[in-house]
């Protein structure tokens, strides 16, 4: 099975880290992975996105035209990627920053107020991990325990202080999106 995921937003939202987190976790679970980042020269405030392909078999091409999952962190990202989501796919929308509804009826739209949840937890830097948690609640492409292990292994230095908050963010995003 193969799953294509696009994380898109602007620099500073942790879009690339969200993709890396899934990619590293999938590799740790023995899956085949590609991760392709793309960002503008401005970095913070400029456009940023990444494409992650996770597969049980070698990935034939890292290029994705119609991803199964898109996480749109900003309105320009929603405008760009909504038409590309595969029918039946999942579109996660950061409803803290995006007020317009998803126009398509042939995909699952999941509004997640990621900035609001991150502020409540105590760090705006956590919105990306909240989105990853929500994604895993609806499409468990990797396990939550494996994501926690990846966070533990990769948050080092000053970022190590945010480990417990990242765990909380992951669970908050999951709980927000979990089906009853």
N, C-alpha and C. Protein backbone atom coordinates (compact mmCIF):
# COMPACT_ATOMS: atom_id res chain seq x y z
N UNK A 1 0.83 -1.17 0.00
CA UNK A 1 0.00 0.00 0.00
C UNK A 1 0.88 1.24 0.00
N UNK A 2 0.45 2.28 -0.73
CA UNK A 2 1.20 3.52 -0.81
C UNK A 2 0.29 4.69 -0.47
N UNK A 3 0.82 5.63 0.31
CA UNK A 3 0.07 6.83 0.68
C UNK A 3 0.91 8.06 0.37
N UNK A 4 0.30 9.03 -0.32
CA UNK A 4 0.97 10.28 -0.67
C UNK A 4 0.38 11.39 0.18
N UNK A 5 1.26 12.18 0.79
CA UNK A 5 0.84 13.23 1.72
C UNK A 5 1.54 14.53 1.35
N UNK A 6 0.80 15.64 1.36
CA UNK A 6 1.39 16.96 1.17
C UNK A 6 1.07 17.80 2.40
N UNK A 7 2.11 18.40 2.98
CA UNK A 7 1.96 19.40 4.02
C UNK A 7 2.29 20.73 3.38
N UNK A 8 1.42 21.72 3.52
CA UNK A 8 1.65 23.00 2.86
C UNK A 8 1.23 24.17 3.75
N UNK A 9 2.04 25.22 3.73
CA UNK A 9 1.75 26.41 4.50
C UNK A 9 2.78 27.48 4.19
N UNK A 10 3.18 28.20 5.22
CA UNK A 10 4.23 29.19 5.04
C UNK A 10 5.35 28.93 6.03
N UNK A 11 6.52 29.49 5.74
CA UNK A 11 7.69 29.27 6.57
C UNK A 11 7.43 29.66 8.02
N UNK A 12 7.91 28.85 8.94
CA UNK A 12 7.72 29.11 10.36
C UNK A 12 6.60 28.30 10.98
N UNK A 13 5.79 27.64 10.15
CA UNK A 13 4.69 26.83 10.68
C UNK A 13 5.11 25.39 10.96
N UNK A 14 6.32 25.02 10.61
CA UNK A 14 6.77 23.66 10.87
C UNK A 14 6.28 22.64 9.85
N UNK A 15 5.96 23.12 8.66
CA UNK A 15 5.47 22.24 7.59
C UNK A 15 6.50 21.16 7.24
N UNK A 16 7.75 21.58 7.07
CA UNK A 16 8.79 20.62 6.69
C UNK A 16 9.05 19.61 7.81
N UNK A 17 9.03 20.08 9.05
CA UNK A 17 9.23 19.16 10.18
C UNK A 17 8.10 18.13 10.25
N UNK A 18 6.87 18.55 9.99
CA UNK A 18 5.75 17.60 10.01
C UNK A 18 6.00 16.47 9.02
N UNK A 19 6.45 16.82 7.82
CA UNK A 19 6.76 15.81 6.81
C UNK A 19 7.93 14.93 7.22
N UNK A 20 8.96 15.55 7.77
CA UNK A 20 10.12 14.77 8.23
C UNK A 20 9.73 13.81 9.33
N UNK A 21 8.89 14.27 10.24
CA UNK A 21 8.46 13.42 11.35
C UNK A 21 7.77 12.16 10.83
N UNK A 22 6.88 12.31 9.88
CA UNK A 22 6.22 11.12 9.29
C UNK A 22 7.22 10.27 8.52
N UNK A 23 8.10 10.92 7.76
CA UNK A 23 9.07 10.16 6.96
C UNK A 23 10.01 9.35 7.85
N UNK A 24 10.57 9.98 8.88
CA UNK A 24 11.48 9.26 9.78
C UNK A 24 10.76 8.12 10.49
N UNK A 25 9.53 8.39 10.92
CA UNK A 25 8.76 7.36 11.61
C UNK A 25 8.49 6.17 10.69
N UNK A 26 8.09 6.46 9.45
CA UNK A 26 7.83 5.38 8.50
C UNK A 26 9.10 4.56 8.23
N UNK A 27 10.23 5.24 8.11
CA UNK A 27 11.50 4.50 7.92
C UNK A 27 11.78 3.61 9.12
N UNK A 28 11.56 4.15 10.33
CA UNK A 28 11.78 3.36 11.54
C UNK A 28 10.86 2.14 11.59
N UNK A 29 9.69 2.24 10.95
CA UNK A 29 8.77 1.11 10.89
C UNK A 29 9.08 0.18 9.71
N UNK A 30 10.16 0.43 8.99
CA UNK A 30 10.58 -0.45 7.90
C UNK A 30 9.89 -0.19 6.57
N UNK A 31 9.27 0.97 6.44
CA UNK A 31 8.58 1.28 5.19
C UNK A 31 9.51 2.04 4.24
N UNK A 32 9.13 2.07 2.98
CA UNK A 32 9.86 2.84 1.98
C UNK A 32 9.29 4.25 1.97
N UNK A 33 10.18 5.24 1.87
CA UNK A 33 9.76 6.63 2.04
C UNK A 33 10.50 7.55 1.08
N UNK A 34 9.78 8.58 0.61
CA UNK A 34 10.43 9.74 0.00
C UNK A 34 9.90 10.98 0.70
N UNK A 35 10.76 12.00 0.79
CA UNK A 35 10.39 13.28 1.38
C UNK A 35 11.03 14.36 0.52
N UNK A 36 10.19 15.21 -0.05
CA UNK A 36 10.70 16.27 -0.91
C UNK A 36 10.21 17.61 -0.38
N UNK A 37 11.14 18.45 0.11
CA UNK A 37 10.74 19.77 0.59
C UNK A 37 10.77 20.80 -0.53
N UNK A 38 9.98 21.85 -0.36
CA UNK A 38 10.00 22.97 -1.28
C UNK A 38 9.66 24.21 -0.49
N UNK A 39 10.51 25.23 -0.60
CA UNK A 39 10.24 26.46 0.14
C UNK A 39 10.83 27.64 -0.60
N UNK A 40 10.22 28.80 -0.37
CA UNK A 40 10.67 30.03 -0.99
C UNK A 40 11.92 30.55 -0.31
N UNK A 41 12.60 31.49 -0.94
CA UNK A 41 13.85 32.01 -0.38
C UNK A 41 13.65 32.81 0.90
N UNK A 42 12.42 33.22 1.17
CA UNK A 42 12.16 34.05 2.34
C UNK A 42 12.21 33.24 3.63
N UNK A 43 12.06 31.93 3.53
CA UNK A 43 11.94 31.03 4.68
C UNK A 43 10.75 31.44 5.54
N UNK A 44 10.95 32.11 6.68
CA UNK A 44 9.81 32.48 7.53
C UNK A 44 8.90 33.43 6.77
N UNK A 45 7.65 33.02 6.64
CA UNK A 45 6.68 33.85 5.95
C UNK A 45 6.52 33.52 4.48
N UNK A 46 7.52 32.90 3.88
CA UNK A 46 7.42 32.48 2.48
C UNK A 46 6.68 31.16 2.39
N UNK A 47 6.37 30.74 1.18
CA UNK A 47 5.67 29.48 1.02
C UNK A 47 6.57 28.31 1.37
N UNK A 48 5.97 27.27 1.89
CA UNK A 48 6.70 26.05 2.22
C UNK A 48 5.75 24.87 2.05
N UNK A 49 6.26 23.80 1.49
CA UNK A 49 5.49 22.57 1.44
C UNK A 49 6.44 21.40 1.32
N UNK A 50 5.94 20.24 1.60
CA UNK A 50 6.72 19.03 1.38
C UNK A 50 5.78 17.89 1.02
N UNK A 51 6.33 16.98 0.27
CA UNK A 51 5.58 15.80 -0.16
C UNK A 51 6.24 14.58 0.46
N UNK A 52 5.42 13.74 1.07
CA UNK A 52 5.90 12.50 1.68
C UNK A 52 5.15 11.35 1.02
N UNK A 53 5.90 10.35 0.58
CA UNK A 53 5.30 9.13 0.05
C UNK A 53 5.74 7.99 0.97
N UNK A 54 4.78 7.25 1.49
CA UNK A 54 5.05 6.12 2.37
C UNK A 54 4.48 4.88 1.70
N UNK A 55 5.32 3.84 1.60
CA UNK A 55 4.88 2.65 0.88
C UNK A 55 5.45 1.39 1.50
N UNK A 56 4.73 0.28 1.28
CA UNK A 56 5.22 -1.03 1.69
C UNK A 56 6.24 -1.58 0.70
N UNK A 57 6.28 -0.99 -0.48
CA UNK A 57 7.20 -1.41 -1.54
C UNK A 57 8.03 -0.21 -1.97
N UNK A 58 9.12 -0.42 -2.72
CA UNK A 58 9.91 0.71 -3.18
C UNK A 58 9.02 1.73 -3.93
N UNK A 59 9.31 3.00 -3.70
CA UNK A 59 8.53 4.08 -4.30
C UNK A 59 9.01 4.29 -5.73
N UNK A 60 8.08 4.17 -6.68
CA UNK A 60 8.44 4.31 -8.09
C UNK A 60 8.81 5.73 -8.47
N UNK A 61 8.10 6.70 -7.92
CA UNK A 61 8.38 8.11 -8.21
C UNK A 61 7.97 8.95 -7.02
N UNK A 62 8.82 9.91 -6.64
CA UNK A 62 8.46 10.79 -5.53
C UNK A 62 7.51 11.92 -5.95
N UNK A 63 7.25 12.04 -7.24
CA UNK A 63 6.38 13.09 -7.75
C UNK A 63 4.93 12.68 -7.54
N UNK A 64 4.15 13.58 -6.97
CA UNK A 64 2.75 13.30 -6.64
C UNK A 64 1.86 14.37 -7.26
N UNK A 65 0.92 13.92 -8.08
CA UNK A 65 -0.04 14.85 -8.68
C UNK A 65 -1.33 14.95 -7.88
N UNK A 66 -1.79 13.82 -7.38
CA UNK A 66 -3.05 13.76 -6.63
C UNK A 66 -2.83 13.04 -5.31
N UNK A 67 -2.39 13.79 -4.29
CA UNK A 67 -2.13 13.15 -2.99
C UNK A 67 -3.41 12.64 -2.34
N UNK A 68 -3.24 11.58 -1.57
CA UNK A 68 -4.37 11.02 -0.81
C UNK A 68 -4.69 11.89 0.40
N UNK A 69 -3.66 12.61 0.90
CA UNK A 69 -3.83 13.44 2.09
C UNK A 69 -3.13 14.78 1.85
N UNK A 70 -3.82 15.86 2.18
CA UNK A 70 -3.22 17.20 2.17
C UNK A 70 -3.52 17.85 3.51
N UNK A 71 -2.50 18.45 4.11
CA UNK A 71 -2.67 19.25 5.31
C UNK A 71 -2.36 20.69 4.92
N UNK A 72 -3.39 21.52 4.87
CA UNK A 72 -3.24 22.93 4.49
C UNK A 72 -3.19 23.79 5.74
N UNK A 73 -2.03 24.40 5.96
CA UNK A 73 -1.81 25.22 7.15
C UNK A 73 -2.23 26.68 6.93
N UNK A 74 -2.44 27.08 5.66
CA UNK A 74 -2.77 28.47 5.33
C UNK A 74 -3.75 28.51 4.16
N UNK A 75 -4.42 29.64 4.00
CA UNK A 75 -5.41 29.78 2.93
C UNK A 75 -4.80 29.62 1.54
N UNK A 76 -3.65 30.23 1.22
CA UNK A 76 -3.07 30.00 -0.11
C UNK A 76 -2.79 28.51 -0.37
N UNK A 77 -2.42 27.78 0.67
CA UNK A 77 -2.17 26.34 0.52
C UNK A 77 -3.46 25.59 0.24
N UNK A 78 -4.52 25.97 0.93
CA UNK A 78 -5.82 25.34 0.67
C UNK A 78 -6.25 25.61 -0.77
N UNK A 79 -6.12 26.87 -1.20
CA UNK A 79 -6.51 27.23 -2.56
C UNK A 79 -5.72 26.43 -3.61
N UNK A 80 -4.45 26.22 -3.34
CA UNK A 80 -3.60 25.51 -4.30
C UNK A 80 -3.84 24.01 -4.32
N UNK A 81 -3.96 23.40 -3.14
CA UNK A 81 -3.96 21.94 -3.08
C UNK A 81 -5.33 21.28 -3.01
N UNK A 82 -6.37 22.01 -2.64
CA UNK A 82 -7.69 21.39 -2.58
C UNK A 82 -8.08 20.70 -3.89
N UNK A 83 -7.87 21.33 -5.04
CA UNK A 83 -8.25 20.66 -6.29
C UNK A 83 -7.44 19.39 -6.59
N UNK A 84 -6.29 19.25 -5.96
CA UNK A 84 -5.40 18.14 -6.26
C UNK A 84 -5.68 16.87 -5.45
N UNK A 85 -6.38 17.01 -4.32
CA UNK A 85 -6.61 15.85 -3.46
C UNK A 85 -7.38 14.78 -4.22
N UNK A 86 -6.88 13.57 -4.10
CA UNK A 86 -7.52 12.42 -4.75
C UNK A 86 -8.95 12.26 -4.24
N UNK A 87 -9.92 11.96 -5.12
CA UNK A 87 -11.28 11.70 -4.65
C UNK A 87 -11.27 10.62 -3.55
N UNK A 88 -11.99 10.89 -2.47
CA UNK A 88 -11.98 9.99 -1.33
C UNK A 88 -10.85 10.28 -0.36
N UNK A 89 -10.00 11.26 -0.71
CA UNK A 89 -8.86 11.62 0.12
C UNK A 89 -9.24 12.46 1.32
N UNK A 90 -8.24 12.83 2.08
CA UNK A 90 -8.40 13.60 3.30
C UNK A 90 -7.74 14.97 3.14
N UNK A 91 -8.47 16.02 3.47
CA UNK A 91 -7.96 17.39 3.45
C UNK A 91 -8.08 17.96 4.86
N UNK A 92 -6.94 18.13 5.52
CA UNK A 92 -6.91 18.71 6.86
C UNK A 92 -6.70 20.21 6.69
N UNK A 93 -7.54 20.99 7.34
CA UNK A 93 -7.51 22.44 7.21
C UNK A 93 -7.25 23.07 8.57
N UNK A 94 -6.24 23.92 8.64
CA UNK A 94 -5.96 24.65 9.88
C UNK A 94 -7.02 25.74 10.04
N UNK A 95 -8.10 25.39 10.70
CA UNK A 95 -9.25 26.29 10.80
C UNK A 95 -8.98 27.51 11.69
N UNK A 96 -7.84 27.56 12.37
CA UNK A 96 -7.47 28.76 13.11
C UNK A 96 -7.16 29.91 12.15
N UNK A 97 -6.62 29.59 10.98
CA UNK A 97 -6.23 30.61 10.01
C UNK A 97 -7.09 30.61 8.75
N UNK A 98 -7.83 29.55 8.52
CA UNK A 98 -8.61 29.42 7.28
C UNK A 98 -10.08 29.39 7.63
N UNK A 99 -10.80 30.40 7.15
CA UNK A 99 -12.22 30.50 7.47
C UNK A 99 -13.12 29.92 6.38
N UNK A 100 -12.63 29.86 5.15
CA UNK A 100 -13.51 29.40 4.08
C UNK A 100 -13.70 27.89 4.16
N UNK A 101 -14.91 27.43 3.85
CA UNK A 101 -15.16 25.98 3.87
C UNK A 101 -14.52 25.30 2.66
N UNK A 102 -14.31 24.03 2.80
CA UNK A 102 -13.82 23.22 1.69
C UNK A 102 -14.95 23.09 0.68
N UNK A 103 -14.64 23.32 -0.58
CA UNK A 103 -15.67 23.34 -1.62
C UNK A 103 -16.03 21.95 -2.14
N UNK A 104 -15.09 21.03 -2.08
CA UNK A 104 -15.32 19.71 -2.68
C UNK A 104 -16.13 18.82 -1.76
N UNK A 105 -17.03 18.04 -2.37
CA UNK A 105 -17.84 17.10 -1.62
C UNK A 105 -17.37 15.67 -1.75
N UNK A 106 -16.34 15.43 -2.58
CA UNK A 106 -15.88 14.07 -2.82
C UNK A 106 -14.64 13.71 -2.01
N UNK A 107 -14.30 14.55 -1.02
CA UNK A 107 -13.17 14.27 -0.14
C UNK A 107 -13.62 14.48 1.31
N UNK A 108 -12.85 13.96 2.23
CA UNK A 108 -13.12 14.17 3.65
C UNK A 108 -12.40 15.44 4.09
N UNK A 109 -13.15 16.43 4.52
CA UNK A 109 -12.58 17.68 5.02
C UNK A 109 -12.54 17.62 6.55
N UNK A 110 -11.37 17.92 7.10
CA UNK A 110 -11.19 17.86 8.55
C UNK A 110 -10.65 19.19 9.05
N UNK A 111 -11.52 20.05 9.60
CA UNK A 111 -11.03 21.30 10.17
C UNK A 111 -10.40 21.04 11.54
N UNK A 112 -9.19 21.57 11.74
CA UNK A 112 -8.49 21.43 13.01
C UNK A 112 -7.96 22.81 13.39
N UNK A 113 -8.41 23.36 14.51
CA UNK A 113 -7.92 24.69 14.93
C UNK A 113 -6.52 24.58 15.56
N UNK A 114 -5.55 24.25 14.74
CA UNK A 114 -4.21 23.91 15.22
C UNK A 114 -3.53 25.05 15.97
N UNK A 115 -3.63 26.28 15.47
CA UNK A 115 -3.02 27.40 16.18
C UNK A 115 -3.66 27.61 17.55
N UNK A 116 -4.98 27.48 17.61
CA UNK A 116 -5.69 27.67 18.88
C UNK A 116 -5.29 26.61 19.89
N UNK A 117 -5.21 25.37 19.44
CA UNK A 117 -4.82 24.28 20.34
C UNK A 117 -3.38 24.48 20.81
N UNK A 118 -2.49 24.87 19.89
CA UNK A 118 -1.09 25.11 20.23
C UNK A 118 -0.95 26.22 21.27
N UNK A 119 -1.73 27.29 21.10
CA UNK A 119 -1.69 28.39 22.07
C UNK A 119 -2.17 27.92 23.44
N UNK A 120 -3.20 27.09 23.45
CA UNK A 120 -3.72 26.57 24.72
C UNK A 120 -2.70 25.68 25.41
N UNK A 121 -1.99 24.87 24.62
CA UNK A 121 -0.97 23.98 25.19
C UNK A 121 0.22 24.79 25.72
N UNK A 122 0.52 25.90 25.04
CA UNK A 122 1.59 26.74 25.56
C UNK A 122 2.72 27.07 24.59
N UNK A 123 2.63 26.62 23.34
CA UNK A 123 3.67 26.95 22.38
C UNK A 123 3.11 26.96 20.96
N UNK A 124 3.23 28.08 20.27
CA UNK A 124 2.73 28.14 18.89
C UNK A 124 3.50 27.23 17.94
N UNK A 125 4.66 26.78 18.37
CA UNK A 125 5.49 25.90 17.54
C UNK A 125 4.91 24.49 17.41
N UNK A 126 3.87 24.18 18.15
CA UNK A 126 3.33 22.82 18.18
C UNK A 126 2.23 22.56 17.17
N UNK A 127 1.82 23.56 16.39
CA UNK A 127 0.68 23.36 15.49
C UNK A 127 0.94 22.25 14.48
N UNK A 128 2.18 22.08 14.05
CA UNK A 128 2.49 21.03 13.07
C UNK A 128 2.29 19.63 13.66
N UNK A 129 2.66 19.42 14.89
CA UNK A 129 2.52 18.11 15.53
C UNK A 129 1.04 17.84 15.83
N UNK A 130 0.29 18.89 16.12
CA UNK A 130 -1.15 18.74 16.29
C UNK A 130 -1.77 18.21 15.00
N UNK A 131 -1.36 18.76 13.87
CA UNK A 131 -1.87 18.32 12.58
C UNK A 131 -1.47 16.87 12.30
N UNK A 132 -0.25 16.50 12.65
CA UNK A 132 0.17 15.10 12.47
C UNK A 132 -0.71 14.17 13.31
N UNK A 133 -1.00 14.56 14.53
CA UNK A 133 -1.88 13.74 15.38
C UNK A 133 -3.26 13.59 14.76
N UNK A 134 -3.80 14.68 14.23
CA UNK A 134 -5.12 14.62 13.59
C UNK A 134 -5.08 13.71 12.37
N UNK A 135 -4.03 13.82 11.59
CA UNK A 135 -3.86 12.97 10.41
C UNK A 135 -3.88 11.49 10.80
N UNK A 136 -3.15 11.16 11.85
CA UNK A 136 -3.06 9.76 12.27
C UNK A 136 -4.38 9.23 12.82
N UNK A 137 -5.22 10.11 13.35
CA UNK A 137 -6.53 9.68 13.84
C UNK A 137 -7.41 9.22 12.68
N UNK A 138 -7.25 9.83 11.52
CA UNK A 138 -8.10 9.49 10.37
C UNK A 138 -7.42 8.56 9.38
N UNK A 139 -6.11 8.61 9.29
CA UNK A 139 -5.35 7.75 8.36
C UNK A 139 -4.08 7.28 9.09
N UNK A 140 -4.15 6.16 9.78
CA UNK A 140 -3.01 5.69 10.58
C UNK A 140 -1.88 5.12 9.72
N UNK A 141 -1.20 5.99 9.00
CA UNK A 141 -0.11 5.56 8.11
C UNK A 141 1.11 5.07 8.88
N UNK A 142 1.26 5.53 10.12
CA UNK A 142 2.27 5.04 11.05
C UNK A 142 1.61 5.02 12.42
N UNK A 143 2.23 4.36 13.38
CA UNK A 143 1.62 4.27 14.71
C UNK A 143 1.99 5.48 15.57
N UNK A 144 1.10 5.80 16.48
CA UNK A 144 1.34 6.90 17.41
C UNK A 144 2.58 6.62 18.26
N UNK A 145 2.74 5.38 18.71
CA UNK A 145 3.90 5.05 19.53
C UNK A 145 5.20 5.24 18.76
N UNK A 146 5.18 4.89 17.48
CA UNK A 146 6.38 5.08 16.65
C UNK A 146 6.68 6.57 16.47
N UNK A 147 5.65 7.40 16.31
CA UNK A 147 5.87 8.85 16.19
C UNK A 147 6.48 9.38 17.48
N UNK A 148 6.00 8.93 18.62
CA UNK A 148 6.56 9.36 19.90
C UNK A 148 8.03 8.94 20.02
N UNK A 149 8.35 7.74 19.56
CA UNK A 149 9.74 7.28 19.60
C UNK A 149 10.61 8.13 18.67
N UNK A 150 10.07 8.50 17.51
CA UNK A 150 10.82 9.35 16.57
C UNK A 150 11.05 10.72 17.18
N UNK A 151 10.04 11.29 17.81
CA UNK A 151 10.23 12.57 18.49
C UNK A 151 11.31 12.46 19.56
N UNK A 152 11.25 11.40 20.34
CA UNK A 152 12.24 11.19 21.40
C UNK A 152 13.65 11.11 20.83
N UNK A 153 13.80 10.45 19.69
CA UNK A 153 15.13 10.27 19.10
C UNK A 153 15.64 11.53 18.39
N UNK A 154 14.74 12.38 17.92
CA UNK A 154 15.17 13.49 17.08
C UNK A 154 15.07 14.88 17.70
N UNK A 155 14.38 15.01 18.81
CA UNK A 155 14.36 16.31 19.48
C UNK A 155 15.54 16.37 20.44
N UNK A 156 16.53 17.12 20.04
CA UNK A 156 17.77 17.21 20.81
C UNK A 156 18.08 18.67 21.12
N UNK A 157 19.08 18.89 21.92
CA UNK A 157 19.50 20.24 22.25
C UNK A 157 18.40 21.02 22.93
N UNK A 158 18.22 22.29 22.51
CA UNK A 158 17.20 23.15 23.10
C UNK A 158 15.80 22.63 22.86
N UNK A 159 15.60 21.92 21.74
CA UNK A 159 14.27 21.41 21.40
C UNK A 159 13.86 20.25 22.31
N UNK A 160 14.81 19.67 23.00
CA UNK A 160 14.51 18.55 23.90
C UNK A 160 13.52 18.97 24.99
N UNK A 161 13.58 20.25 25.37
CA UNK A 161 12.67 20.76 26.40
C UNK A 161 11.21 20.70 25.96
N UNK A 162 10.98 20.61 24.64
CA UNK A 162 9.62 20.59 24.11
C UNK A 162 9.07 19.18 23.91
N UNK A 163 9.83 18.16 24.31
CA UNK A 163 9.41 16.78 24.05
C UNK A 163 8.04 16.47 24.65
N UNK A 164 7.84 16.74 25.91
CA UNK A 164 6.56 16.43 26.55
C UNK A 164 5.42 17.23 25.93
N UNK A 165 5.68 18.49 25.58
CA UNK A 165 4.66 19.29 24.92
C UNK A 165 4.33 18.73 23.54
N UNK A 166 5.33 18.20 22.84
CA UNK A 166 5.08 17.57 21.54
C UNK A 166 4.22 16.33 21.70
N UNK A 167 4.47 15.55 22.73
CA UNK A 167 3.62 14.39 23.01
C UNK A 167 2.18 14.84 23.25
N UNK A 168 2.03 15.89 24.05
CA UNK A 168 0.70 16.41 24.34
C UNK A 168 0.03 16.91 23.06
N UNK A 169 0.78 17.62 22.22
CA UNK A 169 0.24 18.14 20.96
C UNK A 169 -0.21 17.00 20.05
N UNK A 170 0.58 15.95 19.98
CA UNK A 170 0.25 14.78 19.16
C UNK A 170 -1.08 14.18 19.63
N UNK A 171 -1.23 14.01 20.93
CA UNK A 171 -2.45 13.43 21.49
C UNK A 171 -3.65 14.36 21.35
N UNK A 172 -3.43 15.66 21.51
CA UNK A 172 -4.53 16.64 21.35
C UNK A 172 -5.05 16.62 19.92
N UNK A 173 -4.13 16.60 18.94
CA UNK A 173 -4.55 16.55 17.54
C UNK A 173 -5.31 15.26 17.23
N UNK A 174 -4.80 14.16 17.77
CA UNK A 174 -5.46 12.87 17.58
C UNK A 174 -6.87 12.89 18.17
N UNK A 175 -6.98 13.36 19.40
CA UNK A 175 -8.27 13.39 20.08
C UNK A 175 -9.25 14.30 19.34
N UNK A 176 -8.76 15.40 18.81
CA UNK A 176 -9.63 16.33 18.08
C UNK A 176 -10.24 15.68 16.84
N UNK A 177 -9.48 14.79 16.20
CA UNK A 177 -9.91 14.20 14.93
C UNK A 177 -10.45 12.78 15.06
N UNK A 178 -10.34 12.19 16.24
CA UNK A 178 -10.77 10.79 16.41
C UNK A 178 -12.27 10.65 16.13
N UNK A 179 -12.60 9.61 15.43
CA UNK A 179 -14.01 9.34 15.14
C UNK A 179 -14.67 8.76 16.38
N UNK A 180 -15.96 9.12 16.61
CA UNK A 180 -16.64 8.62 17.81
C UNK A 180 -16.84 7.12 17.77
